[in-house]
Amino acid sequence: MQALVGILGRSLPKPPSDLLLAANLRPVWQRKAPENLKGVEPLWYCRGRLVVAAPGSAYAARLREEAPGLIQSLRAEVGLDGLREIVVRPAQRVPQARAVATAAPRSAVAARCFGTLAASIDDPALKASLGRLAATLAPADGAATSRP
């Protein structure tokens, strides 16, 4: 079991400790953002930067005008006390497709790790469980199982 913990500790990515994702930011944004900026969506916060998606250039311009006051207001919220800047991205260019594309290589690596670990385990139940986990993490094209 300690071998499994060691493999997981080395192979799984560790997010920054101050990372906040959209689900956690939306309620705060709805409370603190002025009414004319409710169409702007928060994407994530990390290391002093709040990244938001603006549905158009008019929203982006309004946000830039109101950013200093909004930053002060958001700093009062738990987890946002280090907020330094708000980065505006166009809503149509939100990189959601890229997040899915970069997750696949990590899954392939994890699938290989669990597959290799399963092969070295004597306990049949644990071996089967690790094999199922490896199969679940493997990309649909089978790339993770083709390499040892």
N, C-alpha and C. Protein backbone atom coordinates (compact mmCIF):
# COMPACT_ATOMS: atom_id res chain seq x y z
N MET A 1 0.82 -1.19 0.00
CA MET A 1 0.00 0.00 0.00
C MET A 1 0.87 1.26 0.00
N GLN A 2 2.02 1.18 0.70
CA GLN A 2 2.91 2.34 0.71
C GLN A 2 3.52 2.57 -0.66
N ALA A 3 3.71 1.50 -1.43
CA ALA A 3 4.21 1.66 -2.79
C ALA A 3 3.20 2.43 -3.63
N LEU A 4 1.91 2.11 -3.44
CA LEU A 4 0.85 2.80 -4.16
C LEU A 4 0.82 4.28 -3.79
N VAL A 5 0.95 4.58 -2.51
CA VAL A 5 0.96 5.96 -2.06
C VAL A 5 2.16 6.70 -2.65
N GLY A 6 3.31 6.04 -2.70
CA GLY A 6 4.50 6.67 -3.29
C GLY A 6 4.33 6.97 -4.76
N ILE A 7 3.74 6.04 -5.51
CA ILE A 7 3.51 6.25 -6.94
C ILE A 7 2.53 7.40 -7.15
N LEU A 8 1.45 7.40 -6.38
CA LEU A 8 0.46 8.47 -6.53
C LEU A 8 1.07 9.83 -6.18
N GLY A 9 1.89 9.88 -5.14
CA GLY A 9 2.50 11.13 -4.74
C GLY A 9 3.42 11.71 -5.81
N ARG A 10 4.06 10.86 -6.58
CA ARG A 10 4.98 11.33 -7.62
C ARG A 10 4.28 11.57 -8.96
N SER A 11 3.22 10.83 -9.25
CA SER A 11 2.66 10.89 -10.61
C SER A 11 1.47 11.83 -10.76
N LEU A 12 0.75 12.12 -9.69
CA LEU A 12 -0.41 12.99 -9.82
C LEU A 12 0.01 14.45 -9.67
N PRO A 13 -0.51 15.32 -10.53
CA PRO A 13 -0.16 16.74 -10.42
C PRO A 13 -0.75 17.36 -9.16
N LYS A 14 -0.04 18.30 -8.58
CA LYS A 14 -0.50 18.97 -7.37
C LYS A 14 -0.85 20.42 -7.73
N PRO A 15 -2.11 20.80 -7.54
CA PRO A 15 -2.49 22.19 -7.84
C PRO A 15 -1.89 23.14 -6.81
N PRO A 16 -1.71 24.40 -7.18
CA PRO A 16 -1.22 25.38 -6.20
C PRO A 16 -2.19 25.48 -5.02
N SER A 17 -1.66 25.78 -3.85
CA SER A 17 -2.48 25.80 -2.64
C SER A 17 -3.56 26.89 -2.66
N ASP A 18 -3.35 27.97 -3.41
CA ASP A 18 -4.34 29.05 -3.43
C ASP A 18 -5.27 29.01 -4.64
N LEU A 19 -5.28 27.93 -5.38
CA LEU A 19 -6.12 27.82 -6.57
C LEU A 19 -7.60 27.75 -6.19
N LEU A 20 -8.38 28.62 -6.80
CA LEU A 20 -9.84 28.59 -6.66
C LEU A 20 -10.42 28.49 -8.06
N LEU A 21 -11.35 27.57 -8.25
CA LEU A 21 -11.96 27.38 -9.56
C LEU A 21 -13.30 28.10 -9.64
N ALA A 22 -13.88 28.10 -10.83
CA ALA A 22 -15.09 28.87 -11.13
C ALA A 22 -16.23 28.56 -10.16
N ALA A 23 -16.42 27.29 -9.80
CA ALA A 23 -17.53 26.93 -8.92
C ALA A 23 -17.44 27.65 -7.58
N ASN A 24 -16.23 27.84 -7.06
CA ASN A 24 -16.05 28.53 -5.79
C ASN A 24 -16.12 30.05 -5.96
N LEU A 25 -15.79 30.54 -7.14
CA LEU A 25 -15.73 31.98 -7.36
C LEU A 25 -17.08 32.59 -7.75
N ARG A 26 -17.95 31.82 -8.38
CA ARG A 26 -19.23 32.38 -8.86
C ARG A 26 -20.05 33.04 -7.76
N PRO A 27 -20.26 32.38 -6.60
CA PRO A 27 -21.06 33.06 -5.57
C PRO A 27 -20.44 34.37 -5.09
N VAL A 28 -19.13 34.39 -4.94
CA VAL A 28 -18.43 35.61 -4.52
C VAL A 28 -18.60 36.69 -5.59
N TRP A 29 -18.43 36.31 -6.86
CA TRP A 29 -18.55 37.26 -7.96
C TRP A 29 -19.96 37.84 -8.01
N GLN A 30 -20.97 37.01 -7.82
CA GLN A 30 -22.35 37.49 -7.86
C GLN A 30 -22.64 38.48 -6.73
N ARG A 31 -22.01 38.27 -5.58
CA ARG A 31 -22.20 39.19 -4.45
C ARG A 31 -21.45 40.50 -4.63
N LYS A 32 -20.24 40.45 -5.15
CA LYS A 32 -19.35 41.61 -5.16
C LYS A 32 -19.33 42.40 -6.46
N ALA A 33 -19.59 41.78 -7.58
CA ALA A 33 -19.50 42.48 -8.87
C ALA A 33 -20.67 43.45 -9.03
N PRO A 34 -20.42 44.61 -9.62
CA PRO A 34 -21.50 45.55 -9.90
C PRO A 34 -22.51 44.91 -10.88
N GLU A 35 -23.69 45.42 -10.85
CA GLU A 35 -24.77 44.85 -11.68
C GLU A 35 -24.41 44.85 -13.17
N ASN A 36 -23.69 45.86 -13.64
CA ASN A 36 -23.35 45.93 -15.07
C ASN A 36 -22.24 44.95 -15.46
N LEU A 37 -21.70 44.19 -14.49
CA LEU A 37 -20.66 43.19 -14.80
C LEU A 37 -21.11 41.76 -14.47
N LYS A 38 -22.40 41.56 -14.25
CA LYS A 38 -22.90 40.22 -13.91
C LYS A 38 -22.74 39.23 -15.06
N GLY A 39 -22.59 39.71 -16.29
CA GLY A 39 -22.39 38.82 -17.43
C GLY A 39 -20.98 38.27 -17.54
N VAL A 40 -20.05 38.82 -16.77
CA VAL A 40 -18.67 38.35 -16.76
C VAL A 40 -18.60 37.10 -15.87
N GLU A 41 -17.90 36.08 -16.34
CA GLU A 41 -17.78 34.83 -15.59
C GLU A 41 -16.37 34.66 -15.03
N PRO A 42 -16.25 34.41 -13.73
CA PRO A 42 -14.92 34.11 -13.19
C PRO A 42 -14.52 32.70 -13.62
N LEU A 43 -13.27 32.53 -14.01
CA LEU A 43 -12.77 31.23 -14.44
C LEU A 43 -11.95 30.56 -13.35
N TRP A 44 -10.93 31.27 -12.85
CA TRP A 44 -10.10 30.74 -11.77
C TRP A 44 -9.29 31.85 -11.13
N TYR A 45 -8.81 31.57 -9.93
CA TYR A 45 -7.94 32.48 -9.20
C TYR A 45 -6.72 31.70 -8.74
N CYS A 46 -5.55 32.27 -8.93
CA CYS A 46 -4.32 31.64 -8.47
C CYS A 46 -3.22 32.68 -8.42
N ARG A 47 -2.46 32.66 -7.35
CA ARG A 47 -1.27 33.50 -7.19
C ARG A 47 -1.53 34.99 -7.48
N GLY A 48 -2.62 35.50 -6.93
CA GLY A 48 -2.91 36.92 -7.05
C GLY A 48 -3.64 37.34 -8.30
N ARG A 49 -3.94 36.40 -9.19
CA ARG A 49 -4.64 36.73 -10.45
C ARG A 49 -6.01 36.07 -10.49
N LEU A 50 -6.99 36.89 -10.79
CA LEU A 50 -8.33 36.39 -11.03
C LEU A 50 -8.55 36.47 -12.54
N VAL A 51 -8.80 35.34 -13.17
CA VAL A 51 -9.02 35.29 -14.61
C VAL A 51 -10.52 35.18 -14.84
N VAL A 52 -11.05 36.08 -15.66
CA VAL A 52 -12.48 36.11 -15.95
C VAL A 52 -12.70 36.09 -17.46
N ALA A 53 -13.87 35.64 -17.86
CA ALA A 53 -14.26 35.63 -19.28
C ALA A 53 -15.34 36.69 -19.49
N ALA A 54 -15.06 37.62 -20.38
CA ALA A 54 -16.02 38.68 -20.70
C ALA A 54 -16.71 38.34 -22.02
N PRO A 55 -18.05 38.45 -22.06
CA PRO A 55 -18.79 38.10 -23.27
C PRO A 55 -18.60 39.07 -24.43
N GLY A 56 -17.92 40.17 -24.22
CA GLY A 56 -17.69 41.13 -25.31
C GLY A 56 -16.74 42.22 -24.86
N SER A 57 -16.34 43.03 -25.82
CA SER A 57 -15.37 44.09 -25.51
C SER A 57 -15.96 45.16 -24.61
N ALA A 58 -17.27 45.38 -24.67
CA ALA A 58 -17.89 46.38 -23.80
C ALA A 58 -17.77 45.95 -22.34
N TYR A 59 -18.03 44.67 -22.06
CA TYR A 59 -17.87 44.16 -20.70
C TYR A 59 -16.41 44.27 -20.26
N ALA A 60 -15.49 43.94 -21.15
CA ALA A 60 -14.07 44.00 -20.82
C ALA A 60 -13.65 45.44 -20.49
N ALA A 61 -14.13 46.40 -21.25
CA ALA A 61 -13.80 47.80 -21.00
C ALA A 61 -14.37 48.26 -19.66
N ARG A 62 -15.64 47.89 -19.38
CA ARG A 62 -16.24 48.26 -18.10
C ARG A 62 -15.48 47.63 -16.93
N LEU A 63 -15.08 46.39 -17.12
CA LEU A 63 -14.34 45.70 -16.06
C LEU A 63 -13.00 46.38 -15.79
N ARG A 64 -12.32 46.79 -16.84
CA ARG A 64 -11.03 47.47 -16.67
C ARG A 64 -11.21 48.80 -15.93
N GLU A 65 -12.31 49.49 -16.21
CA GLU A 65 -12.59 50.75 -15.52
C GLU A 65 -12.86 50.53 -14.04
N GLU A 66 -13.59 49.48 -13.73
CA GLU A 66 -14.01 49.25 -12.36
C GLU A 66 -13.10 48.31 -11.59
N ALA A 67 -12.03 47.85 -12.20
CA ALA A 67 -11.14 46.87 -11.59
C ALA A 67 -10.56 47.31 -10.24
N PRO A 68 -10.04 48.53 -10.09
CA PRO A 68 -9.44 48.88 -8.79
C PRO A 68 -10.41 48.74 -7.61
N GLY A 69 -11.62 49.26 -7.76
CA GLY A 69 -12.62 49.15 -6.69
C GLY A 69 -13.07 47.71 -6.48
N LEU A 70 -13.21 46.99 -7.58
CA LEU A 70 -13.64 45.59 -7.49
C LEU A 70 -12.58 44.73 -6.81
N ILE A 71 -11.33 44.99 -7.12
CA ILE A 71 -10.23 44.24 -6.48
C ILE A 71 -10.26 44.48 -4.97
N GLN A 72 -10.43 45.72 -4.56
CA GLN A 72 -10.51 46.03 -3.12
C GLN A 72 -11.67 45.28 -2.47
N SER A 73 -12.79 45.26 -3.13
CA SER A 73 -13.97 44.58 -2.59
C SER A 73 -13.75 43.07 -2.51
N LEU A 74 -13.15 42.49 -3.54
CA LEU A 74 -12.93 41.04 -3.57
C LEU A 74 -11.87 40.61 -2.57
N ARG A 75 -10.92 41.47 -2.26
CA ARG A 75 -9.87 41.12 -1.28
C ARG A 75 -10.44 40.82 0.10
N ALA A 76 -11.61 41.32 0.39
CA ALA A 76 -12.23 41.07 1.70
C ALA A 76 -12.75 39.64 1.82
N GLU A 77 -12.83 38.92 0.71
CA GLU A 77 -13.35 37.56 0.72
C GLU A 77 -12.26 36.56 1.09
N VAL A 78 -12.66 35.47 1.73
CA VAL A 78 -11.74 34.41 2.14
C VAL A 78 -11.08 33.81 0.90
N GLY A 79 -9.77 33.71 0.92
CA GLY A 79 -9.02 33.13 -0.18
C GLY A 79 -8.59 34.11 -1.25
N LEU A 80 -9.16 35.31 -1.25
CA LEU A 80 -8.83 36.31 -2.28
C LEU A 80 -8.06 37.48 -1.70
N ASP A 81 -7.54 37.36 -0.50
CA ASP A 81 -6.86 38.48 0.14
C ASP A 81 -5.57 38.88 -0.57
N GLY A 82 -5.01 38.00 -1.40
CA GLY A 82 -3.79 38.33 -2.14
C GLY A 82 -4.06 38.80 -3.56
N LEU A 83 -5.31 39.09 -3.90
CA LEU A 83 -5.68 39.50 -5.27
C LEU A 83 -4.94 40.77 -5.67
N ARG A 84 -4.22 40.70 -6.80
CA ARG A 84 -3.46 41.84 -7.32
C ARG A 84 -4.04 42.36 -8.62
N GLU A 85 -4.57 41.44 -9.45
CA GLU A 85 -5.04 41.87 -10.76
C GLU A 85 -6.17 40.98 -11.25
N ILE A 86 -6.95 41.54 -12.16
CA ILE A 86 -8.00 40.79 -12.84
C ILE A 86 -7.61 40.72 -14.31
N VAL A 87 -7.51 39.51 -14.82
CA VAL A 87 -7.14 39.28 -16.21
C VAL A 87 -8.42 38.96 -16.97
N VAL A 88 -8.66 39.69 -18.05
CA VAL A 88 -9.88 39.52 -18.84
C VAL A 88 -9.58 38.75 -20.11
N ARG A 89 -10.36 37.71 -20.35
CA ARG A 89 -10.27 36.94 -21.59
C ARG A 89 -11.62 36.97 -22.29
N PRO A 90 -11.59 36.96 -23.61
CA PRO A 90 -12.87 36.88 -24.34
C PRO A 90 -13.57 35.56 -24.04
N ALA A 91 -14.88 35.59 -23.87
CA ALA A 91 -15.63 34.38 -23.52
C ALA A 91 -15.52 33.29 -24.57
N GLN A 92 -15.46 33.64 -25.85
CA GLN A 92 -15.39 32.63 -26.90
C GLN A 92 -14.04 31.93 -26.95
N ARG A 93 -13.05 32.44 -26.22
CA ARG A 93 -11.72 31.84 -26.25
C ARG A 93 -11.37 31.15 -24.93
N VAL A 94 -12.38 30.78 -24.15
CA VAL A 94 -12.14 30.08 -22.89
C VAL A 94 -11.50 28.73 -23.21
N PRO A 95 -10.33 28.42 -22.65
CA PRO A 95 -9.59 27.22 -23.04
C PRO A 95 -10.10 25.92 -22.43
N GLN A 96 -11.40 25.64 -22.51
CA GLN A 96 -11.93 24.40 -21.95
C GLN A 96 -11.50 23.19 -22.77
N ALA A 97 -11.44 23.30 -24.08
CA ALA A 97 -11.05 22.17 -24.92
C ALA A 97 -9.60 21.78 -24.65
N ARG A 98 -8.73 22.75 -24.38
CA ARG A 98 -7.34 22.45 -24.09
C ARG A 98 -7.19 21.70 -22.78
N ALA A 99 -8.03 22.00 -21.80
CA ALA A 99 -7.95 21.30 -20.51
C ALA A 99 -8.21 19.81 -20.70
N VAL A 100 -9.16 19.46 -21.54
CA VAL A 100 -9.45 18.06 -21.82
C VAL A 100 -8.29 17.42 -22.56
N ALA A 101 -7.70 18.14 -23.51
CA ALA A 101 -6.60 17.59 -24.28
C ALA A 101 -5.36 17.34 -23.42
N THR A 102 -5.09 18.19 -22.44
CA THR A 102 -3.91 17.99 -21.60
C THR A 102 -4.15 16.96 -20.52
N ALA A 103 -5.40 16.63 -20.22
CA ALA A 103 -5.67 15.62 -19.20
C ALA A 103 -5.34 14.22 -19.70
N ALA A 104 -5.44 13.98 -21.00
CA ALA A 104 -5.22 12.64 -21.54
C ALA A 104 -3.81 12.11 -21.30
N PRO A 105 -2.73 12.88 -21.54
CA PRO A 105 -1.40 12.34 -21.27
C PRO A 105 -1.20 11.97 -19.80
N ARG A 106 -1.74 12.75 -18.89
CA ARG A 106 -1.62 12.41 -17.48
C ARG A 106 -2.35 11.11 -17.19
N SER A 107 -3.50 10.90 -17.82
CA SER A 107 -4.24 9.67 -17.61
C SER A 107 -3.47 8.48 -18.17
N ALA A 108 -2.81 8.66 -19.30
CA ALA A 108 -2.04 7.58 -19.89
C ALA A 108 -0.87 7.20 -18.98
N VAL A 109 -0.21 8.19 -18.42
CA VAL A 109 0.91 7.93 -17.50
C VAL A 109 0.39 7.22 -16.25
N ALA A 110 -0.70 7.72 -15.70
CA ALA A 110 -1.27 7.09 -14.50
C ALA A 110 -1.72 5.67 -14.79
N ALA A 111 -2.32 5.44 -15.96
CA ALA A 111 -2.76 4.08 -16.33
C ALA A 111 -1.57 3.14 -16.40
N ARG A 112 -0.47 3.60 -16.99
CA ARG A 112 0.73 2.75 -17.06
C ARG A 112 1.27 2.45 -15.67
N CYS A 113 1.29 3.46 -14.80
CA CYS A 113 1.79 3.27 -13.43
C CYS A 113 0.95 2.24 -12.69
N PHE A 114 -0.36 2.38 -12.77
CA PHE A 114 -1.23 1.44 -12.07
C PHE A 114 -1.17 0.05 -12.69
N GLY A 115 -1.03 -0.01 -14.01
CA GLY A 115 -0.89 -1.31 -14.67
C GLY A 115 0.39 -2.01 -14.25
N THR A 116 1.49 -1.29 -14.17
CA THR A 116 2.77 -1.86 -13.73
C THR A 116 2.69 -2.29 -12.27
N LEU A 117 2.06 -1.46 -11.44
CA LEU A 117 1.91 -1.81 -10.03
C LEU A 117 1.04 -3.05 -9.88
N ALA A 118 -0.04 -3.14 -10.64
CA ALA A 118 -0.93 -4.30 -10.56
C ALA A 118 -0.18 -5.59 -10.91
N ALA A 119 0.71 -5.51 -11.88
CA ALA A 119 1.46 -6.70 -12.28
C ALA A 119 2.39 -7.20 -11.18
N SER A 120 2.80 -6.33 -10.28
CA SER A 120 3.75 -6.73 -9.23
C SER A 120 3.07 -7.10 -7.91
N ILE A 121 1.74 -7.05 -7.84
CA ILE A 121 1.01 -7.33 -6.61
C ILE A 121 0.58 -8.80 -6.58
N ASP A 122 0.72 -9.44 -5.41
CA ASP A 122 0.32 -10.84 -5.26
C ASP A 122 -1.14 -11.00 -4.83
N ASP A 123 -1.67 -10.05 -4.08
CA ASP A 123 -3.06 -10.13 -3.60
C ASP A 123 -4.01 -10.02 -4.79
N PRO A 124 -4.82 -11.07 -5.07
CA PRO A 124 -5.68 -11.06 -6.26
C PRO A 124 -6.72 -9.94 -6.27
N ALA A 125 -7.31 -9.63 -5.12
CA ALA A 125 -8.34 -8.58 -5.08
C ALA A 125 -7.72 -7.21 -5.37
N LEU A 126 -6.58 -6.93 -4.75
CA LEU A 126 -5.90 -5.65 -4.98
C LEU A 126 -5.40 -5.57 -6.42
N LYS A 127 -4.88 -6.68 -6.93
CA LYS A 127 -4.38 -6.73 -8.30
C LYS A 127 -5.52 -6.42 -9.29
N ALA A 128 -6.68 -7.04 -9.06
CA ALA A 128 -7.83 -6.80 -9.94
C ALA A 128 -8.31 -5.36 -9.85
N SER A 129 -8.31 -4.82 -8.62
CA SER A 129 -8.76 -3.45 -8.43
C SER A 129 -7.83 -2.46 -9.14
N LEU A 130 -6.53 -2.66 -9.00
CA LEU A 130 -5.57 -1.78 -9.69
C LEU A 130 -5.66 -1.93 -11.20
N GLY A 131 -5.93 -3.14 -11.67
CA GLY A 131 -6.10 -3.37 -13.10
C GLY A 131 -7.31 -2.62 -13.64
N ARG A 132 -8.42 -2.65 -12.87
CA ARG A 132 -9.62 -1.90 -13.28
C ARG A 132 -9.35 -0.40 -13.28
N LEU A 133 -8.62 0.08 -12.27
CA LEU A 133 -8.29 1.50 -12.22
C LEU A 133 -7.43 1.90 -13.41
N ALA A 134 -6.46 1.08 -13.75
CA ALA A 134 -5.60 1.36 -14.91
C ALA A 134 -6.43 1.39 -16.19
N ALA A 135 -7.36 0.44 -16.33
CA ALA A 135 -8.21 0.40 -17.53
C ALA A 135 -9.13 1.61 -17.60
N THR A 136 -9.60 2.09 -16.46
CA THR A 136 -10.46 3.26 -16.42
C THR A 136 -9.70 4.52 -16.82
N LEU A 137 -8.46 4.63 -16.39
CA LEU A 137 -7.66 5.82 -16.69
C LEU A 137 -7.08 5.82 -18.09
N ALA A 138 -7.01 4.65 -18.72
CA ALA A 138 -6.40 4.54 -20.05
C ALA A 138 -7.22 5.30 -21.09
N PRO A 139 -6.55 5.99 -22.02
CA PRO A 139 -7.27 6.66 -23.10
C PRO A 139 -8.04 5.64 -23.94
N ALA A 140 -9.06 6.09 -24.62
CA ALA A 140 -9.93 5.20 -25.39
C ALA A 140 -9.18 4.47 -26.51
N ASP A 141 -8.10 5.05 -27.02
CA ASP A 141 -7.37 4.41 -28.12
C ASP A 141 -6.42 3.31 -27.65
N GLY A 142 -6.33 3.10 -26.33
CA GLY A 142 -5.49 2.04 -25.79
C GLY A 142 -4.02 2.39 -25.72
N ALA A 143 -3.66 3.65 -25.85
CA ALA A 143 -2.26 4.06 -25.85
C ALA A 143 -1.55 3.71 -24.55
N ALA A 144 -2.29 3.72 -23.44
CA ALA A 144 -1.66 3.49 -22.15
C ALA A 144 -1.27 2.02 -21.97
N THR A 145 -1.99 1.11 -22.62
CA THR A 145 -1.72 -0.32 -22.42
C THR A 145 -0.72 -0.87 -23.43
N SER A 146 -0.40 -0.10 -24.46
CA SER A 146 0.51 -0.61 -25.49
C SER A 146 1.97 -0.57 -25.07
N ARG A 147 2.30 0.27 -24.07
CA ARG A 147 3.66 0.36 -23.57
C ARG A 147 3.77 -0.31 -22.22
N PRO A 148 4.91 -0.93 -21.88
CA PRO A 148 5.06 -1.57 -20.57
C PRO A 148 5.19 -0.57 -19.46
